[in-house]
Amino acid sequence: MADAPLMEIEDLGLSYATEQGTLRAVDGVDLALHRGEALAVLGESGCGKSSLAKTLLRTLPRNAYPPTGQLRLQGREVLGLPEERFRREVRWVRIALVMQAAMNALNPVVRVGEQVAEPLRIHRRASRRQARQRAAEAFEEVGIPTDFLRRYPHELSGGMRQRAVLAMALVTEPDLVLLDEPTSALDVLTQASIMNVLKRIKHERGVSFVFITHDVATASELADRVALMYAGQVVEAASARAFFDEPAHPYSRLLMAAVPRLHQERPPSPIPGRPPSLLDPPAGCRFAERCPWAFERCGEPPPMAPCGERHHARCWLHPGLGGER
């Protein structure tokens, strides 16, 4: 694995204009990802996970303000590129997306093979014949028989549609693939099958993944690293082993305690309370109102503090920010 990160995110921010005011969905996110790594972005619904993916691909709704911060690919800043250059040089060329609802991502009146081949025609300027051949190879790579190329989306099962959307993301051979809840609408057996495909592709092709999910168990299957988001911020970033074995942030600990496990003596414990509004987030630690270890200093916003090699947590209780209470 190369020493230089494939992707670096620095102070990334995204806000939406709403009738109630400005909603800060992504607030000062810093992350790094190396080639061949899979980063799981975990968090509750509404924490900013999908907005982070939209910002990285710059597929923003009309009520979104221009994103702030930096996105560097192999050292080159690309977030500030003009839209046409970003579309031509980055979107679906270096960064691709597997959307959450495969049926919504596919055009119901166009054959699946044509839709998978389309990115090659647009971004790689491949001939129709070359695009069809590469689409067939992508189908084989994700485990779909090539005779499915001529089928329409409604003729495929949910798992096959999800594989087709994955093939569409991989067909241009991007460096980074964003996976936005790719298995959330699938049954357990199909989820396991899709995860096996992703692990094989990661191993064989060295593709990097950003895997956005609220499912801790699924994240543990693929992730090399984990970033936990809460109320628009990353509150912990660590290797998967460190995060699942020794979580450092109070939210991480409570989240892991809420996950059901086989052969555990205690039942899962729910996290009390609810996340703050991103229209008016707290001035200090955003998890303080739900944290059983909160104390006076939590009224100040804590920075990300190092907990070990490439392991950081946003909490005043951490020794790097002054020690235990």
C-alpha atoms as a PDB file:
ATOM      1  CA  MET A   1       0.000   0.000   0.000  1.00  0.00           C
ATOM      2  CA  ALA A   2       1.396   3.414  -0.954  1.00  0.00           C
ATOM      3  CA  ASP A   3       2.431   5.782   1.857  1.00  0.00           C
ATOM      4  CA  ALA A   4       0.685   8.805   0.306  1.00  0.00           C
ATOM      5  CA  PRO A   5      -3.104   8.790   0.783  1.00  0.00           C
ATOM      6  CA  LEU A   6      -5.292   8.272  -2.252  1.00  0.00           C
ATOM      7  CA  MET A   7      -7.879  10.682  -0.825  1.00  0.00           C
ATOM      8  CA  GLU A   8      -7.534  13.435   1.768  1.00  0.00           C
ATOM      9  CA  ILE A   9     -10.503  15.406   3.102  1.00  0.00           C
ATOM     10  CA  GLU A  10      -9.726  18.569   5.042  1.00  0.00           C
ATOM     11  CA  ASP A  11     -12.271  20.710   6.934  1.00  0.00           C
ATOM     12  CA  LEU A  12     -15.059  19.597   4.584  1.00  0.00           C
ATOM     13  CA  GLY A  13     -18.392  21.315   5.061  1.00  0.00           C
ATOM     14  CA  LEU A  14     -21.816  21.290   3.417  1.00  0.00           C
ATOM     15  CA  SER A  15     -24.917  23.287   4.322  1.00  0.00           C
ATOM     16  CA  TYR A  16     -28.485  23.336   3.026  1.00  0.00           C
ATOM     17  CA  ALA A  17     -30.894  26.261   2.818  1.00  0.00           C
ATOM     18  CA  THR A  18     -34.215  25.302   4.449  1.00  0.00           C
ATOM     19  CA  GLU A  19     -37.382  27.155   5.428  1.00  0.00           C
ATOM     20  CA  GLN A  20     -36.267  26.959   9.071  1.00  0.00           C
ATOM     21  CA  GLY A  21     -32.757  28.259   8.381  1.00  0.00           C
ATOM     22  CA  THR A  22     -29.315  26.968   7.365  1.00  0.00           C
ATOM     23  CA  LEU A  23     -28.744  23.285   8.106  1.00  0.00           C
ATOM     24  CA  ARG A  24     -25.082  22.315   8.526  1.00  0.00           C
ATOM     25  CA  ALA A  25     -25.096  18.655   7.380  1.00  0.00           C
ATOM     26  CA  VAL A  26     -21.315  18.144   7.150  1.00  0.00           C
ATOM     27  CA  ASP A  27     -19.212  20.188   9.545  1.00  0.00           C
ATOM     28  CA  GLY A  28     -15.412  20.244   9.475  1.00  0.00           C
ATOM     29  CA  VAL A  29     -14.746  16.643   8.429  1.00  0.00           C
ATOM     30  CA  ASP A  30     -11.108  15.498   8.136  1.00  0.00           C
ATOM     31  CA  LEU A  31     -10.390  12.028   6.726  1.00  0.00           C
ATOM     32  CA  ALA A  32      -7.692  10.191   4.779  1.00  0.00           C
ATOM     33  CA  LEU A  33      -7.922   6.976   2.770  1.00  0.00           C
ATOM     34  CA  HIS A  34      -5.104   4.944   1.207  1.00  0.00           C
ATOM     35  CA  ARG A  35      -5.315   2.929  -1.981  1.00  0.00           C
ATOM     36  CA  GLY A  36      -6.872  -0.491  -1.443  1.00  0.00           C
ATOM     37  CA  GLU A  37      -8.486   0.508   1.874  1.00  0.00           C
ATOM     38  CA  ALA A  38     -12.172   0.347   2.741  1.00  0.00           C
ATOM     39  CA  LEU A  39     -13.454   3.106   5.026  1.00  0.00           C
ATOM     40  CA  ALA A  40     -16.804   2.538   6.747  1.00  0.00           C
ATOM     41  CA  VAL A  41     -18.638   5.768   7.608  1.00  0.00           C
ATOM     42  CA  LEU A  42     -21.014   4.848  10.443  1.00  0.00           C
ATOM     43  CA  GLY A  43     -23.732   6.827  12.163  1.00  0.00           C
ATOM     44  CA  GLU A  44     -27.429   7.282  12.855  1.00  0.00           C
ATOM     45  CA  SER A  45     -29.862   8.475  10.195  1.00  0.00           C
ATOM     46  CA  GLY A  46     -29.489  12.209   9.677  1.00  0.00           C
ATOM     47  CA  CYS A  47     -25.894  12.435  10.884  1.00  0.00           C
ATOM     48  CA  GLY A  48     -24.538  13.569   7.499  1.00  0.00           C
ATOM     49  CA  LYS A  49     -23.242  10.302   5.985  1.00  0.00           C
ATOM     50  CA  SER A  50     -25.046  10.566   2.645  1.00  0.00           C
ATOM     51  CA  SER A  51     -24.389  14.315   2.462  1.00  0.00           C
ATOM     52  CA  LEU A  52     -20.696  13.509   2.786  1.00  0.00           C
ATOM     53  CA  ALA A  53     -20.929  11.175  -0.242  1.00  0.00           C
ATOM     54  CA  LYS A  54     -22.846  13.789  -2.253  1.00  0.00           C
ATOM     55  CA  THR A  55     -20.167  16.350  -1.430  1.00  0.00           C
ATOM     56  CA  LEU A  56     -17.343  14.072  -2.554  1.00  0.00           C
ATOM     57  CA  LEU A  57     -19.084  13.448  -5.886  1.00  0.00           C
ATOM     58  CA  ARG A  58     -20.569  16.969  -6.086  1.00  0.00           C
ATOM     59  CA  THR A  59     -24.053  15.661  -6.842  1.00  0.00           C
ATOM     60  CA  LEU A  60     -25.784  18.239  -4.672  1.00  0.00           C
ATOM     61  CA  PRO A  61     -29.463  19.248  -4.515  1.00  0.00           C
ATOM     62  CA  ARG A  62     -30.490  22.746  -5.514  1.00  0.00           C
ATOM     63  CA  ASN A  63     -30.831  23.978  -1.937  1.00  0.00           C
ATOM     64  CA  ALA A  64     -27.198  23.106  -1.101  1.00  0.00           C
ATOM     65  CA  TYR A  65     -24.642  25.849  -0.652  1.00  0.00           C
ATOM     66  CA  PRO A  66     -21.244  25.372  -2.373  1.00  0.00           C
ATOM     67  CA  PRO A  67     -19.165  22.939  -0.278  1.00  0.00           C
ATOM     68  CA  THR A  68     -16.239  24.266   1.739  1.00  0.00           C
ATOM     69  CA  GLY A  69     -12.876  22.712   2.580  1.00  0.00           C
ATOM     70  CA  GLN A  70     -10.642  20.558   0.423  1.00  0.00           C
ATOM     71  CA  LEU A  71     -10.796  17.191  -1.329  1.00  0.00           C
ATOM     72  CA  ARG A  72      -7.440  15.970  -2.602  1.00  0.00           C
ATOM     73  CA  LEU A  73      -6.909  12.938  -4.827  1.00  0.00           C
ATOM     74  CA  GLN A  74      -3.261  11.853  -4.748  1.00  0.00           C
ATOM     75  CA  GLY A  75      -2.333  15.346  -3.603  1.00  0.00           C
ATOM     76  CA  ARG A  76      -4.398  17.237  -6.205  1.00  0.00           C
ATOM     77  CA  GLU A  77      -7.217  19.460  -4.950  1.00  0.00           C
ATOM     78  CA  VAL A  78     -10.366  18.716  -6.966  1.00  0.00           C
ATOM     79  CA  LEU A  79     -13.308  20.047  -4.951  1.00  0.00           C
ATOM     80  CA  GLY A  80     -12.790  23.564  -6.298  1.00  0.00           C
ATOM     81  CA  LEU A  81     -12.600  22.548  -9.961  1.00  0.00           C
ATOM     82  CA  PRO A  82     -15.146  24.104 -12.332  1.00  0.00           C
ATOM     83  CA  GLU A  83     -18.174  21.851 -12.791  1.00  0.00           C
ATOM     84  CA  GLU A  84     -17.331  20.817 -16.350  1.00  0.00           C
ATOM     85  CA  ARG A  85     -13.753  19.855 -15.425  1.00  0.00           C
ATOM     86  CA  PHE A  86     -14.974  17.979 -12.337  1.00  0.00           C
ATOM     87  CA  ARG A  87     -17.479  16.056 -14.466  1.00  0.00           C
ATOM     88  CA  ARG A  88     -14.867  15.294 -17.116  1.00  0.00           C
ATOM     89  CA  GLU A  89     -11.924  14.462 -14.855  1.00  0.00           C
ATOM     90  CA  VAL A  90     -13.307  13.243 -11.516  1.00  0.00           C
ATOM     91  CA  ARG A  91     -16.960  12.185 -11.407  1.00  0.00           C
ATOM     92  CA  TRP A  92     -17.269   8.552 -12.554  1.00  0.00           C
ATOM     93  CA  VAL A  93     -13.668   8.712 -13.822  1.00  0.00           C
ATOM     94  CA  ARG A  94     -11.852   8.676 -10.485  1.00  0.00           C
ATOM     95  CA  ILE A  95     -14.806   8.558  -8.047  1.00  0.00           C
ATOM     96  CA  ALA A  96     -17.967   6.520  -8.687  1.00  0.00           C
ATOM     97  CA  LEU A  97     -21.086   5.867  -6.618  1.00  0.00           C
ATOM     98  CA  VAL A  98     -23.240   2.843  -5.812  1.00  0.00           C
ATOM     99  CA  MET A  99     -26.596   4.296  -4.793  1.00  0.00           C
ATOM    100  CA  GLN A 100     -28.775   3.089  -1.950  1.00  0.00           C
ATOM    101  CA  ALA A 101     -31.879   2.085  -3.920  1.00  0.00           C
ATOM    102  CA  ALA A 102     -30.816   0.196  -7.048  1.00  0.00           C
ATOM    103  CA  MET A 103     -34.275   0.287  -8.640  1.00  0.00           C
ATOM    104  CA  ASN A 104     -34.331   4.085  -8.340  1.00  0.00           C
ATOM    105  CA  ALA A 105     -30.813   4.329  -9.792  1.00  0.00           C
ATOM    106  CA  LEU A 106     -31.710   2.400 -12.950  1.00  0.00           C
ATOM    107  CA  ASN A 107     -33.826   3.698 -15.813  1.00  0.00           C
ATOM    108  CA  PRO A 108     -36.810   1.300 -16.043  1.00  0.00           C
ATOM    109  CA  VAL A 109     -37.178   1.630 -19.829  1.00  0.00           C
ATOM    110  CA  VAL A 110     -33.513   1.112 -20.823  1.00  0.00           C
ATOM    111  CA  ARG A 111     -31.818  -2.294 -20.911  1.00  0.00           C
ATOM    112  CA  VAL A 112     -29.422  -2.839 -18.023  1.00  0.00           C
ATOM    113  CA  GLY A 113     -26.425  -3.520 -20.289  1.00  0.00           C
ATOM    114  CA  GLU A 114     -26.845  -0.160 -22.035  1.00  0.00           C
ATOM    115  CA  GLN A 115     -26.939   1.635 -18.695  1.00  0.00           C
ATOM    116  CA  VAL A 116     -23.771  -0.088 -17.488  1.00  0.00           C
ATOM    117  CA  ALA A 117     -22.014   0.742 -20.780  1.00  0.00           C
ATOM    118  CA  GLU A 118     -23.113   4.388 -20.799  1.00  0.00           C
ATOM    119  CA  PRO A 119     -20.360   5.742 -18.468  1.00  0.00           C
ATOM    120  CA  LEU A 120     -17.732   4.356 -20.857  1.00  0.00           C
ATOM    121  CA  ARG A 121     -19.352   6.101 -23.826  1.00  0.00           C
ATOM    122  CA  ILE A 122     -19.481   9.407 -21.938  1.00  0.00           C
ATOM    123  CA  HIS A 123     -16.303   9.452 -19.849  1.00  0.00           C
ATOM    124  CA  ARG A 124     -13.926   7.151 -21.743  1.00  0.00           C
ATOM    125  CA  ARG A 125     -15.295   7.905 -25.224  1.00  0.00           C
ATOM    126  CA  ALA A 126     -15.417   4.200 -25.998  1.00  0.00           C
ATOM    127  CA  SER A 127     -17.147   2.924 -29.098  1.00  0.00           C
ATOM    128  CA  ARG A 128     -20.491   1.170 -28.700  1.00  0.00           C
ATOM    129  CA  ARG A 129     -18.808  -2.189 -29.296  1.00  0.00           C
ATOM    130  CA  GLN A 130     -16.000  -1.534 -26.795  1.00  0.00           C
ATOM    131  CA  ALA A 131     -18.486  -0.315 -24.191  1.00  0.00           C
ATOM    132  CA  ARG A 132     -20.674  -3.417 -24.571  1.00  0.00           C
ATOM    133  CA  GLN A 133     -17.663  -5.710 -24.259  1.00  0.00           C
ATOM    134  CA  ARG A 134     -16.435  -3.962 -21.117  1.00  0.00           C
ATOM    135  CA  ALA A 135     -19.978  -3.992 -19.673  1.00  0.00           C
ATOM    136  CA  ALA A 136     -20.081  -7.771 -20.191  1.00  0.00           C
ATOM    137  CA  GLU A 137     -16.740  -8.083 -18.360  1.00  0.00           C
ATOM    138  CA  ALA A 138     -18.092  -5.951 -15.494  1.00  0.00           C
ATOM    139  CA  PHE A 139     -21.175  -8.185 -15.281  1.00  0.00           C
ATOM    140  CA  GLU A 140     -18.973 -11.272 -14.972  1.00  0.00           C
ATOM    141  CA  GLU A 141     -16.868  -9.506 -12.344  1.00  0.00           C
ATOM    142  CA  VAL A 142     -19.862  -8.895 -10.087  1.00  0.00           C
ATOM    143  CA  GLY A 143     -21.422 -12.309 -10.722  1.00  0.00           C
ATOM    144  CA  ILE A 144     -24.209 -11.570 -13.239  1.00  0.00           C
ATOM    145  CA  PRO A 145     -24.638 -13.829 -16.303  1.00  0.00           C
ATOM    146  CA  THR A 146     -23.899 -11.851 -19.472  1.00  0.00           C
ATOM    147  CA  ASP A 147     -27.274 -12.746 -21.000  1.00  0.00           C
ATOM    148  CA  PHE A 148     -28.773 -10.381 -18.395  1.00  0.00           C
ATOM    149  CA  LEU A 149     -27.293  -7.473 -20.367  1.00  0.00           C
ATOM    150  CA  ARG A 150     -30.428  -7.359 -22.523  1.00  0.00           C
ATOM    151  CA  ARG A 151     -32.863  -7.441 -19.616  1.00  0.00           C
ATOM    152  CA  TYR A 152     -34.740  -4.509 -18.130  1.00  0.00           C
ATOM    153  CA  PRO A 153     -34.359  -3.577 -14.427  1.00  0.00           C
ATOM    154  CA  HIS A 154     -37.754  -5.017 -13.447  1.00  0.00           C
ATOM    155  CA  GLU A 155     -36.640  -8.414 -14.786  1.00  0.00           C
ATOM    156  CA  LEU A 156     -33.804  -8.607 -12.227  1.00  0.00           C
ATOM    157  CA  SER A 157     -34.060  -9.524  -8.555  1.00  0.00           C
ATOM    158  CA  GLY A 158     -33.079  -6.986  -5.899  1.00  0.00           C
ATOM    159  CA  GLY A 159     -29.666  -8.581  -5.482  1.00  0.00           C
ATOM    160  CA  MET A 160     -29.053  -8.655  -9.241  1.00  0.00           C
ATOM    161  CA  ARG A 161     -30.051  -4.996  -9.567  1.00  0.00           C
ATOM    162  CA  GLN A 162     -27.600  -4.082  -6.803  1.00  0.00           C
ATOM    163  CA  ARG A 163     -24.850  -6.004  -8.611  1.00  0.00           C
ATOM    164  CA  ALA A 164     -25.738  -4.188 -11.849  1.00  0.00           C
ATOM    165  CA  VAL A 165     -25.382  -0.806 -10.120  1.00  0.00           C
ATOM    166  CA  LEU A 166     -22.028  -1.980  -8.727  1.00  0.00           C
ATOM    167  CA  ALA A 167     -20.953  -2.995 -12.255  1.00  0.00           C
ATOM    168  CA  MET A 168     -21.945   0.491 -13.468  1.00  0.00           C
ATOM    169  CA  ALA A 169     -19.680   2.042 -10.826  1.00  0.00           C
ATOM    170  CA  LEU A 170     -16.735  -0.235 -11.632  1.00  0.00           C
ATOM    171  CA  VAL A 171     -16.939  -0.179 -15.414  1.00  0.00           C
ATOM    172  CA  THR A 172     -14.755   2.948 -15.791  1.00  0.00           C
ATOM    173  CA  GLU A 173     -12.163   1.502 -13.356  1.00  0.00           C
ATOM    174  CA  PRO A 174     -12.256   4.391 -10.841  1.00  0.00           C
ATOM    175  CA  ASP A 175      -9.786   4.735  -7.961  1.00  0.00           C
ATOM    176  CA  LEU A 176     -12.538   5.197  -5.381  1.00  0.00           C
ATOM    177  CA  VAL A 177     -16.090   3.838  -5.129  1.00  0.00           C
ATOM    178  CA  LEU A 178     -18.639   5.341  -2.739  1.00  0.00           C
ATOM    179  CA  LEU A 179     -21.127   2.776  -1.412  1.00  0.00           C
ATOM    180  CA  ASP A 180     -24.237   4.453   0.025  1.00  0.00           C
ATOM    181  CA  GLU A 181     -26.078   1.795   2.076  1.00  0.00           C
ATOM    182  CA  PRO A 182     -25.616  -0.766  -0.740  1.00  0.00           C
ATOM    183  CA  THR A 183     -27.217  -3.671   1.140  1.00  0.00           C
ATOM    184  CA  SER A 184     -29.904  -1.963   3.244  1.00  0.00           C
ATOM    185  CA  ALA A 185     -32.878  -3.178   1.144  1.00  0.00           C
ATOM    186  CA  LEU A 186     -31.647  -6.763   0.716  1.00  0.00           C
ATOM    187  CA  ASP A 187     -32.241  -9.941   2.695  1.00  0.00           C
ATOM    188  CA  VAL A 188     -29.441 -11.333   4.863  1.00  0.00           C
ATOM    189  CA  LEU A 189     -28.234 -13.974   2.391  1.00  0.00           C
ATOM    190  CA  THR A 190     -28.122 -11.486  -0.493  1.00  0.00           C
ATOM    191  CA  GLN A 191     -26.302  -8.993   1.738  1.00  0.00           C
ATOM    192  CA  ALA A 192     -23.636 -11.610   2.476  1.00  0.00           C
ATOM    193  CA  SER A 193     -23.296 -12.390  -1.241  1.00  0.00           C
ATOM    194  CA  ILE A 194     -22.840  -8.703  -2.149  1.00  0.00           C
ATOM    195  CA  MET A 195     -20.283  -8.227   0.624  1.00  0.00           C
ATOM    196  CA  ASN A 196     -18.287 -11.195  -0.682  1.00  0.00           C
ATOM    197  CA  VAL A 197     -18.250  -9.602  -4.149  1.00  0.00           C
ATOM    198  CA  LEU A 198     -16.990  -6.317  -2.687  1.00  0.00           C
ATOM    199  CA  LYS A 199     -14.255  -8.032  -0.678  1.00  0.00           C
ATOM    200  CA  ARG A 200     -13.091  -9.961  -3.748  1.00  0.00           C
ATOM    201  CA  ILE A 201     -12.977  -6.842  -5.926  1.00  0.00           C
ATOM    202  CA  LYS A 202     -11.109  -4.930  -3.230  1.00  0.00           C
ATOM    203  CA  HIS A 203      -8.534  -7.711  -2.960  1.00  0.00           C
ATOM    204  CA  GLU A 204      -8.114  -8.390  -6.682  1.00  0.00           C
ATOM    205  CA  ARG A 205      -8.259  -4.850  -8.058  1.00  0.00           C
ATOM    206  CA  GLY A 206      -7.058  -2.739  -5.151  1.00  0.00           C
ATOM    207  CA  VAL A 207     -10.122  -0.490  -5.375  1.00  0.00           C
ATOM    208  CA  SER A 208     -10.705   1.834  -2.416  1.00  0.00           C
ATOM    209  CA  PHE A 209     -14.197   1.998  -0.921  1.00  0.00           C
ATOM    210  CA  VAL A 210     -16.034   4.515   1.244  1.00  0.00           C
ATOM    211  CA  PHE A 211     -18.844   2.407   2.708  1.00  0.00           C
ATOM    212  CA  ILE A 212     -21.675   4.512   4.158  1.00  0.00           C
ATOM    213  CA  THR A 213     -23.905   2.546   6.517  1.00  0.00           C
ATOM    214  CA  HIS A 214     -25.701   2.498   9.855  1.00  0.00           C
ATOM    215  CA  ASP A 215     -25.206  -1.282  10.119  1.00  0.00           C
ATOM    216  CA  VAL A 216     -22.265  -2.008  12.424  1.00  0.00           C
ATOM    217  CA  ALA A 217     -22.195  -5.734  11.615  1.00  0.00           C
ATOM    218  CA  THR A 218     -22.070  -5.156   7.846  1.00  0.00           C
ATOM    219  CA  ALA A 219     -19.364  -2.507   8.242  1.00  0.00           C
ATOM    220  CA  SER A 220     -17.165  -4.940  10.149  1.00  0.00           C
ATOM    221  CA  GLU A 221     -17.216  -7.313   7.160  1.00  0.00           C
ATOM    222  CA  LEU A 222     -15.504  -4.919   4.747  1.00  0.00           C
ATOM    223  CA  ALA A 223     -13.890  -2.077   6.645  1.00  0.00           C
ATOM    224  CA  ASP A 224     -10.172  -1.558   7.174  1.00  0.00           C
ATOM    225  CA  ARG A 225     -10.950   1.769   8.835  1.00  0.00           C
ATOM    226  CA  VAL A 226     -14.017   3.282  10.506  1.00  0.00           C
ATOM    227  CA  ALA A 227     -15.177   6.890  10.799  1.00  0.00           C
ATOM    228  CA  LEU A 228     -18.099   7.439  13.171  1.00  0.00           C
ATOM    229  CA  MET A 229     -20.246  10.509  12.443  1.00  0.00           C
ATOM    230  CA  TYR A 230     -22.540  12.277  14.869  1.00  0.00           C
ATOM    231  CA  ALA A 231     -24.507  15.473  14.162  1.00  0.00           C
ATOM    232  CA  GLY A 232     -22.468  16.334  11.074  1.00  0.00           C
ATOM    233  CA  GLN A 233     -19.044  15.713  12.611  1.00  0.00           C
ATOM    234  CA  VAL A 234     -16.645  12.776  12.696  1.00  0.00           C
ATOM    235  CA  VAL A 235     -16.278  11.949  16.401  1.00  0.00           C
ATOM    236  CA  GLU A 236     -13.919   8.982  16.013  1.00  0.00           C
ATOM    237  CA  ALA A 237     -11.677   7.698  13.212  1.00  0.00           C
ATOM    238  CA  ALA A 238      -9.650   4.524  13.691  1.00  0.00           C
ATOM    239  CA  SER A 239      -8.642   1.200  12.248  1.00  0.00           C
ATOM    240  CA  ALA A 240     -11.512  -1.275  12.234  1.00  0.00           C
ATOM    241  CA  ARG A 241      -9.747  -3.461  14.812  1.00  0.00           C
ATOM    242  CA  ALA A 242      -9.191  -0.536  17.208  1.00  0.00           C
ATOM    243  CA  PHE A 243     -12.728   0.802  16.756  1.00  0.00           C
ATOM    244  CA  PHE A 244     -14.530  -2.498  17.324  1.00  0.00           C
ATOM    245  CA  ASP A 245     -12.219  -3.759  20.089  1.00  0.00           C
ATOM    246  CA  GLU A 246     -11.401  -0.527  21.965  1.00  0.00           C
ATOM    247  CA  PRO A 247     -13.734   2.352  20.990  1.00  0.00           C
ATOM    248  CA  ALA A 248     -12.478   5.650  22.427  1.00  0.00           C
ATOM    249  CA  HIS A 249     -15.440   8.045  22.139  1.00  0.00           C
ATOM    250  CA  PRO A 250     -18.437   7.702  24.507  1.00  0.00           C
ATOM    251  CA  TYR A 251     -20.808   7.533  21.528  1.00  0.00           C
ATOM    252  CA  SER A 252     -18.720   4.711  20.045  1.00  0.00           C
ATOM    253  CA  ARG A 253     -18.862   2.761  23.311  1.00  0.00           C
ATOM    254  CA  LEU A 254     -22.621   3.192  23.676  1.00  0.00           C
ATOM    255  CA  LEU A 255     -23.166   2.310  20.022  1.00  0.00           C
ATOM    256  CA  MET A 256     -21.216  -0.925  20.382  1.00  0.00           C
ATOM    257  CA  ALA A 257     -23.187  -1.737  23.559  1.00  0.00           C
ATOM    258  CA  ALA A 258     -26.416  -1.302  21.564  1.00  0.00           C
ATOM    259  CA  VAL A 259     -25.422  -3.912  18.964  1.00  0.00           C
ATOM    260  CA  PRO A 260     -26.870  -7.401  19.619  1.00  0.00           C
ATOM    261  CA  ARG A 261     -24.251 -10.164  19.786  1.00  0.00           C
ATOM    262  CA  LEU A 262     -24.356 -13.925  19.923  1.00  0.00           C
ATOM    263  CA  HIS A 263     -23.728 -15.467  23.343  1.00  0.00           C
ATOM    264  CA  GLN A 264     -23.693 -12.127  25.194  1.00  0.00           C
ATOM    265  CA  GLU A 265     -24.872 -12.194  28.777  1.00  0.00           C
ATOM    266  CA  ARG A 266     -26.494  -8.740  28.777  1.00  0.00           C
ATOM    267  CA  PRO A 267     -29.162  -7.579  26.320  1.00  0.00           C
ATOM    268  CA  PRO A 268     -28.318  -4.655  24.030  1.00  0.00           C
ATOM    269  CA  SER A 269     -28.592  -1.248  25.713  1.00  0.00           C
ATOM    270  CA  PRO A 270     -30.331   1.565  23.769  1.00  0.00           C
ATOM    271  CA  ILE A 271     -28.736   5.007  23.665  1.00  0.00           C
ATOM    272  CA  PRO A 272     -31.050   7.447  25.509  1.00  0.00           C
ATOM    273  CA  GLY A 273     -32.104  10.768  24.013  1.00  0.00           C
ATOM    274  CA  ARG A 274     -31.870  11.909  20.415  1.00  0.00           C
ATOM    275  CA  PRO A 275     -29.335  13.776  18.243  1.00  0.00           C
ATOM    276  CA  PRO A 276     -29.385  17.590  18.281  1.00  0.00           C
ATOM    277  CA  SER A 277     -30.878  19.619  15.455  1.00  0.00           C
ATOM    278  CA  LEU A 278     -28.346  20.553  12.790  1.00  0.00           C
ATOM    279  CA  LEU A 279     -30.221  23.832  12.357  1.00  0.00           C
ATOM    280  CA  ASP A 280     -28.973  24.921  15.787  1.00  0.00           C
ATOM    281  CA  PRO A 281     -26.323  22.482  17.062  1.00  0.00           C
ATOM    282  CA  PRO A 282     -24.863  22.851  20.568  1.00  0.00           C
ATOM    283  CA  ALA A 283     -21.874  25.157  20.938  1.00  0.00           C
ATOM    284  CA  GLY A 284     -19.863  22.487  22.748  1.00  0.00           C
ATOM    285  CA  CYS A 285     -19.690  18.712  22.387  1.00  0.00           C
ATOM    286  CA  ARG A 286     -22.672  17.636  20.307  1.00  0.00           C
ATOM    287  CA  PHE A 287     -23.053  14.358  22.179  1.00  0.00           C
ATOM    288  CA  ALA A 288     -22.938  15.921  25.660  1.00  0.00           C
ATOM    289  CA  GLU A 289     -26.708  15.838  26.313  1.00  0.00           C
ATOM    290  CA  ARG A 290     -26.791  12.053  25.764  1.00  0.00           C
ATOM    291  CA  CYS A 291     -23.405  11.267  27.327  1.00  0.00           C
ATOM    292  CA  PRO A 292     -23.361   9.666  30.794  1.00  0.00           C
ATOM    293  CA  TRP A 293     -19.785  10.944  31.313  1.00  0.00           C
ATOM    294  CA  ALA A 294     -20.459  14.604  30.418  1.00  0.00           C
ATOM    295  CA  PHE A 295     -18.929  17.276  32.667  1.00  0.00           C
ATOM    296  CA  GLU A 296     -18.504  21.048  32.707  1.00  0.00           C
ATOM    297  CA  ARG A 297     -15.831  21.283  30.007  1.00  0.00           C
ATOM    298  CA  CYS A 298     -18.140  19.581  27.493  1.00  0.00           C
ATOM    299  CA  GLY A 299     -19.689  23.018  26.966  1.00  0.00           C
ATOM    300  CA  GLU A 300     -16.614  23.776  24.833  1.00  0.00           C
ATOM    301  CA  PRO A 301     -16.184  22.134  21.386  1.00  0.00           C
ATOM    302  CA  PRO A 302     -13.558  19.376  21.688  1.00  0.00           C
ATOM    303  CA  PRO A 303     -10.984  18.916  18.895  1.00  0.00           C
ATOM    304  CA  MET A 304     -10.000  15.548  17.458  1.00  0.00           C
ATOM    305  CA  ALA A 305      -7.263  14.138  19.710  1.00  0.00           C
ATOM    306  CA  PRO A 306      -4.847  11.308  18.830  1.00  0.00           C
ATOM    307  CA  CYS A 307      -5.474   7.986  20.561  1.00  0.00           C
ATOM    308  CA  GLY A 308      -2.825   5.973  18.707  1.00  0.00           C
ATOM    309  CA  GLU A 309      -1.565   5.454  15.181  1.00  0.00           C
ATOM    310  CA  ARG A 310      -4.182   6.931  12.790  1.00  0.00           C
ATOM    311  CA  HIS A 311      -6.708   6.835  15.663  1.00  0.00           C
ATOM    312  CA  HIS A 312      -8.459  10.034  16.763  1.00  0.00           C
ATOM    313  CA  ALA A 313     -11.485  10.845  18.931  1.00  0.00           C
ATOM    314  CA  ARG A 314     -13.368  14.090  19.623  1.00  0.00           C
ATOM    315  CA  CYS A 315     -13.781  14.013  23.434  1.00  0.00           C
ATOM    316  CA  TRP A 316     -12.491  16.025  26.399  1.00  0.00           C
ATOM    317  CA  LEU A 317     -12.200  12.823  28.464  1.00  0.00           C
ATOM    318  CA  HIS A 318      -9.353  11.605  26.295  1.00  0.00           C
ATOM    319  CA  PRO A 319      -5.908  11.851  28.014  1.00  0.00           C
ATOM    320  CA  GLY A 320      -4.554  13.827  25.054  1.00  0.00           C
ATOM    321  CA  LEU A 321      -6.936  16.682  25.925  1.00  0.00           C
ATOM    322  CA  GLY A 322      -6.423  16.788  29.642  1.00  0.00           C
ATOM    323  CA  GLY A 323      -7.060  13.319  30.951  1.00  0.00           C
ATOM    324  CA  GLU A 324      -9.895  11.712  32.861  1.00  0.00           C
ATOM    325  CA  ARG A 325     -12.360  13.672  34.953  1.00  0.00           C
END
